Amino acid sequence: MRLDKYLKVSRIIKRRTVAKEVADKGRIKVNGILAKSSTDLKTDDIVEIRFGNKLLTVKVLEMKDSTKKEDAASMYEIVSETRVEEDV
């Protein structure tokens, strides 16, 4: 499944267009490698997303084409969530 679609379906990012923009700006890494929005995700991949001054690291547990709100959180496991100081 494409990275931008996975982020939307799992509700980590609410809109697919926003997920695409974040990925294309170089703020997402998959398994330590900079990822584009079209990167193909598999189960057990580690995804690092940088939101401003927050770094969210999640592990992909399962792939679904669509989910209900209650089931979305079961698609991933949060590995870490840390604050990152901005480089000035």
N, C-alpha and C. Protein backbone atom coordinates (compact mmCIF):
# COMPACT_ATOMS: atom_id res chain seq x y z
N MET A 1 0.85 -1.18 0.00
CA MET A 1 0.00 0.00 0.00
C MET A 1 0.89 1.24 0.00
N ARG A 2 0.47 2.26 -0.72
CA ARG A 2 1.21 3.52 -0.77
C ARG A 2 1.28 4.17 0.61
N LEU A 3 2.36 4.85 0.89
CA LEU A 3 2.56 5.52 2.17
C LEU A 3 1.47 6.53 2.47
N ASP A 4 1.13 7.40 1.50
CA ASP A 4 0.13 8.44 1.76
C ASP A 4 -1.25 7.83 2.04
N LYS A 5 -1.60 6.77 1.34
CA LYS A 5 -2.89 6.11 1.58
C LYS A 5 -2.91 5.44 2.95
N TYR A 6 -1.80 4.80 3.34
CA TYR A 6 -1.73 4.15 4.65
C TYR A 6 -1.90 5.17 5.79
N LEU A 7 -1.24 6.32 5.66
CA LEU A 7 -1.34 7.34 6.70
C LEU A 7 -2.77 7.85 6.84
N LYS A 8 -3.49 7.94 5.73
CA LYS A 8 -4.88 8.37 5.77
C LYS A 8 -5.79 7.30 6.35
N VAL A 9 -5.67 6.06 5.86
CA VAL A 9 -6.54 4.97 6.32
C VAL A 9 -6.33 4.69 7.80
N SER A 10 -5.08 4.76 8.26
CA SER A 10 -4.79 4.51 9.67
C SER A 10 -5.09 5.72 10.55
N ARG A 11 -5.44 6.83 9.90
CA ARG A 11 -5.79 8.08 10.57
C ARG A 11 -4.65 8.70 11.37
N ILE A 12 -3.42 8.42 10.97
CA ILE A 12 -2.27 9.12 11.55
C ILE A 12 -2.30 10.56 11.03
N ILE A 13 -2.61 10.71 9.73
CA ILE A 13 -2.83 12.01 9.10
C ILE A 13 -4.22 11.94 8.48
N LYS A 14 -5.03 12.97 8.68
CA LYS A 14 -6.45 12.88 8.31
C LYS A 14 -6.72 12.93 6.81
N ARG A 15 -5.91 13.67 6.06
CA ARG A 15 -6.17 13.81 4.63
C ARG A 15 -5.01 13.27 3.81
N ARG A 16 -5.34 12.59 2.72
CA ARG A 16 -4.30 12.00 1.87
C ARG A 16 -3.45 13.07 1.21
N THR A 17 -4.04 14.19 0.85
CA THR A 17 -3.26 15.26 0.22
C THR A 17 -2.24 15.83 1.20
N VAL A 18 -2.62 15.94 2.46
CA VAL A 18 -1.69 16.43 3.49
C VAL A 18 -0.58 15.41 3.70
N ALA A 19 -0.91 14.13 3.72
CA ALA A 19 0.09 13.07 3.86
C ALA A 19 1.09 13.12 2.69
N LYS A 20 0.58 13.37 1.50
CA LYS A 20 1.44 13.46 0.31
C LYS A 20 2.39 14.65 0.43
N GLU A 21 1.87 15.80 0.86
CA GLU A 21 2.70 16.99 1.01
C GLU A 21 3.80 16.77 2.06
N VAL A 22 3.44 16.18 3.19
CA VAL A 22 4.41 15.94 4.27
C VAL A 22 5.52 15.01 3.76
N ALA A 23 5.15 13.96 3.05
CA ALA A 23 6.14 13.02 2.53
C ALA A 23 7.04 13.67 1.49
N ASP A 24 6.45 14.45 0.60
CA ASP A 24 7.23 15.07 -0.47
C ASP A 24 8.14 16.19 0.03
N LYS A 25 7.90 16.69 1.24
CA LYS A 25 8.78 17.70 1.83
C LYS A 25 9.94 17.06 2.59
N GLY A 26 10.02 15.73 2.59
CA GLY A 26 11.14 15.04 3.23
C GLY A 26 11.00 14.90 4.72
N ARG A 27 9.78 14.84 5.24
CA ARG A 27 9.56 14.73 6.68
C ARG A 27 9.21 13.32 7.13
N ILE A 28 9.24 12.35 6.21
CA ILE A 28 8.89 10.98 6.57
C ILE A 28 10.01 10.03 6.14
N LYS A 29 10.39 9.13 7.05
CA LYS A 29 11.36 8.08 6.74
C LYS A 29 10.70 6.73 6.97
N VAL A 30 11.01 5.79 6.10
CA VAL A 30 10.56 4.42 6.25
C VAL A 30 11.80 3.55 6.40
N ASN A 31 11.91 2.88 7.53
CA ASN A 31 13.08 2.05 7.84
C ASN A 31 14.38 2.85 7.72
N GLY A 32 14.35 4.11 8.15
CA GLY A 32 15.53 4.96 8.16
C GLY A 32 15.87 5.61 6.83
N ILE A 33 15.08 5.37 5.80
CA ILE A 33 15.34 5.93 4.46
C ILE A 33 14.25 6.95 4.14
N LEU A 34 14.66 8.12 3.62
CA LEU A 34 13.72 9.16 3.24
C LEU A 34 12.70 8.59 2.26
N ALA A 35 11.41 8.85 2.50
CA ALA A 35 10.35 8.24 1.71
C ALA A 35 9.54 9.27 0.95
N LYS A 36 9.06 8.86 -0.22
CA LYS A 36 8.13 9.66 -1.00
C LYS A 36 6.73 9.17 -0.70
N SER A 37 5.73 9.90 -1.16
CA SER A 37 4.34 9.51 -0.91
C SER A 37 3.98 8.20 -1.60
N SER A 38 4.69 7.85 -2.64
CA SER A 38 4.40 6.63 -3.39
C SER A 38 5.17 5.41 -2.87
N THR A 39 5.94 5.56 -1.81
CA THR A 39 6.69 4.44 -1.25
C THR A 39 5.74 3.32 -0.84
N ASP A 40 6.10 2.10 -1.18
CA ASP A 40 5.27 0.94 -0.89
C ASP A 40 5.57 0.44 0.53
N LEU A 41 4.55 0.42 1.38
CA LEU A 41 4.71 -0.04 2.76
C LEU A 41 4.36 -1.52 2.88
N LYS A 42 5.03 -2.18 3.82
CA LYS A 42 4.73 -3.57 4.14
C LYS A 42 4.57 -3.67 5.66
N THR A 43 4.02 -4.77 6.13
CA THR A 43 3.90 -4.95 7.57
C THR A 43 5.31 -5.02 8.18
N ASP A 44 5.43 -4.59 9.43
CA ASP A 44 6.67 -4.54 10.20
C ASP A 44 7.62 -3.42 9.77
N ASP A 45 7.21 -2.54 8.85
CA ASP A 45 8.02 -1.37 8.52
C ASP A 45 7.94 -0.37 9.66
N ILE A 46 9.03 0.38 9.87
CA ILE A 46 9.08 1.44 10.87
C ILE A 46 8.99 2.77 10.13
N VAL A 47 7.99 3.59 10.50
CA VAL A 47 7.75 4.87 9.84
C VAL A 47 8.00 6.00 10.84
N GLU A 48 8.87 6.94 10.47
CA GLU A 48 9.15 8.11 11.30
C GLU A 48 8.56 9.33 10.62
N ILE A 49 7.70 10.05 11.35
CA ILE A 49 7.04 11.23 10.80
C ILE A 49 7.39 12.43 11.67
N ARG A 50 7.84 13.50 11.03
CA ARG A 50 8.19 14.72 11.77
C ARG A 50 7.09 15.75 11.59
N PHE A 51 6.40 16.05 12.71
CA PHE A 51 5.35 17.08 12.74
C PHE A 51 5.93 18.28 13.48
N GLY A 52 6.42 19.27 12.78
CA GLY A 52 6.96 20.46 13.44
C GLY A 52 8.07 20.09 14.41
N ASN A 53 7.80 20.15 15.71
CA ASN A 53 8.82 19.82 16.70
C ASN A 53 8.57 18.46 17.36
N LYS A 54 7.73 17.62 16.76
CA LYS A 54 7.44 16.31 17.31
C LYS A 54 7.84 15.23 16.30
N LEU A 55 8.48 14.17 16.80
CA LEU A 55 8.87 13.04 15.97
C LEU A 55 8.07 11.82 16.42
N LEU A 56 7.22 11.32 15.53
CA LEU A 56 6.38 10.16 15.82
C LEU A 56 6.93 8.96 15.07
N THR A 57 7.21 7.88 15.81
CA THR A 57 7.71 6.66 15.21
C THR A 57 6.69 5.56 15.43
N VAL A 58 6.22 4.96 14.34
CA VAL A 58 5.22 3.90 14.44
C VAL A 58 5.69 2.66 13.67
N LYS A 59 5.18 1.50 14.11
CA LYS A 59 5.45 0.23 13.43
C LYS A 59 4.16 -0.21 12.75
N VAL A 60 4.24 -0.54 11.47
CA VAL A 60 3.08 -0.98 10.70
C VAL A 60 2.73 -2.41 11.12
N LEU A 61 1.50 -2.61 11.61
CA LEU A 61 1.07 -3.94 12.03
C LEU A 61 0.23 -4.65 10.99
N GLU A 62 -0.65 -3.91 10.30
CA GLU A 62 -1.49 -4.54 9.28
C GLU A 62 -1.91 -3.52 8.23
N MET A 63 -2.33 -4.05 7.09
CA MET A 63 -2.78 -3.23 5.98
C MET A 63 -4.27 -3.50 5.74
N LYS A 64 -5.04 -2.43 5.61
CA LYS A 64 -6.46 -2.53 5.27
C LYS A 64 -6.77 -1.43 4.27
N ASP A 65 -7.66 -1.72 3.32
CA ASP A 65 -8.02 -0.71 2.33
C ASP A 65 -8.91 0.37 2.91
N SER A 66 -9.72 -0.01 3.91
CA SER A 66 -10.55 0.98 4.59
C SER A 66 -10.81 0.49 6.01
N THR A 67 -11.03 1.42 6.93
CA THR A 67 -11.27 1.05 8.32
C THR A 67 -12.32 1.95 8.93
N LYS A 68 -12.87 1.48 10.01
CA LYS A 68 -13.72 2.31 10.84
C LYS A 68 -12.82 3.04 11.83
N LYS A 69 -13.32 4.10 12.39
CA LYS A 69 -12.53 4.92 13.29
C LYS A 69 -11.98 4.10 14.46
N GLU A 70 -12.79 3.18 14.98
CA GLU A 70 -12.39 2.37 16.13
C GLU A 70 -11.26 1.40 15.78
N ASP A 71 -11.23 0.93 14.53
CA ASP A 71 -10.25 -0.08 14.11
C ASP A 71 -8.95 0.52 13.58
N ALA A 72 -8.92 1.81 13.32
CA ALA A 72 -7.75 2.43 12.71
C ALA A 72 -6.51 2.31 13.58
N ALA A 73 -6.64 2.46 14.89
CA ALA A 73 -5.49 2.41 15.79
C ALA A 73 -4.85 1.03 15.84
N SER A 74 -5.56 0.00 15.45
CA SER A 74 -4.99 -1.36 15.48
C SER A 74 -4.07 -1.62 14.28
N MET A 75 -4.02 -0.69 13.34
CA MET A 75 -3.17 -0.86 12.16
C MET A 75 -1.70 -0.56 12.44
N TYR A 76 -1.41 0.13 13.54
CA TYR A 76 -0.04 0.50 13.86
C TYR A 76 0.19 0.48 15.36
N GLU A 77 1.47 0.47 15.72
CA GLU A 77 1.87 0.52 17.13
C GLU A 77 2.83 1.70 17.27
N ILE A 78 2.59 2.55 18.24
CA ILE A 78 3.48 3.69 18.46
C ILE A 78 4.74 3.20 19.16
N VAL A 79 5.89 3.39 18.50
CA VAL A 79 7.17 2.98 19.06
C VAL A 79 7.69 4.07 19.98
N SER A 80 7.65 5.33 19.49
CA SER A 80 8.08 6.46 20.31
C SER A 80 7.44 7.75 19.80
N GLU A 81 7.37 8.71 20.71
CA GLU A 81 6.84 10.03 20.38
C GLU A 81 7.66 11.03 21.18
N THR A 82 8.54 11.76 20.49
CA THR A 82 9.47 12.64 21.19
C THR A 82 9.41 14.06 20.63
N ARG A 83 9.79 15.00 21.48
CA ARG A 83 9.93 16.39 21.02
C ARG A 83 11.32 16.57 20.45
N VAL A 84 11.40 17.29 19.34
CA VAL A 84 12.67 17.53 18.67
C VAL A 84 12.92 19.03 18.68
N GLU A 85 14.11 19.43 19.08
CA GLU A 85 14.46 20.84 19.06
C GLU A 85 14.77 21.27 17.63
N GLU A 86 14.25 22.40 17.23
CA GLU A 86 14.46 22.93 15.88
C GLU A 86 15.90 23.39 15.74
N ASP A 87 16.50 23.09 14.59
CA ASP A 87 17.85 23.58 14.26
C ASP A 87 17.74 24.97 13.67
N VAL A 88 18.38 25.93 14.33
CA VAL A 88 18.29 27.31 13.85
C VAL A 88 19.64 27.76 13.33
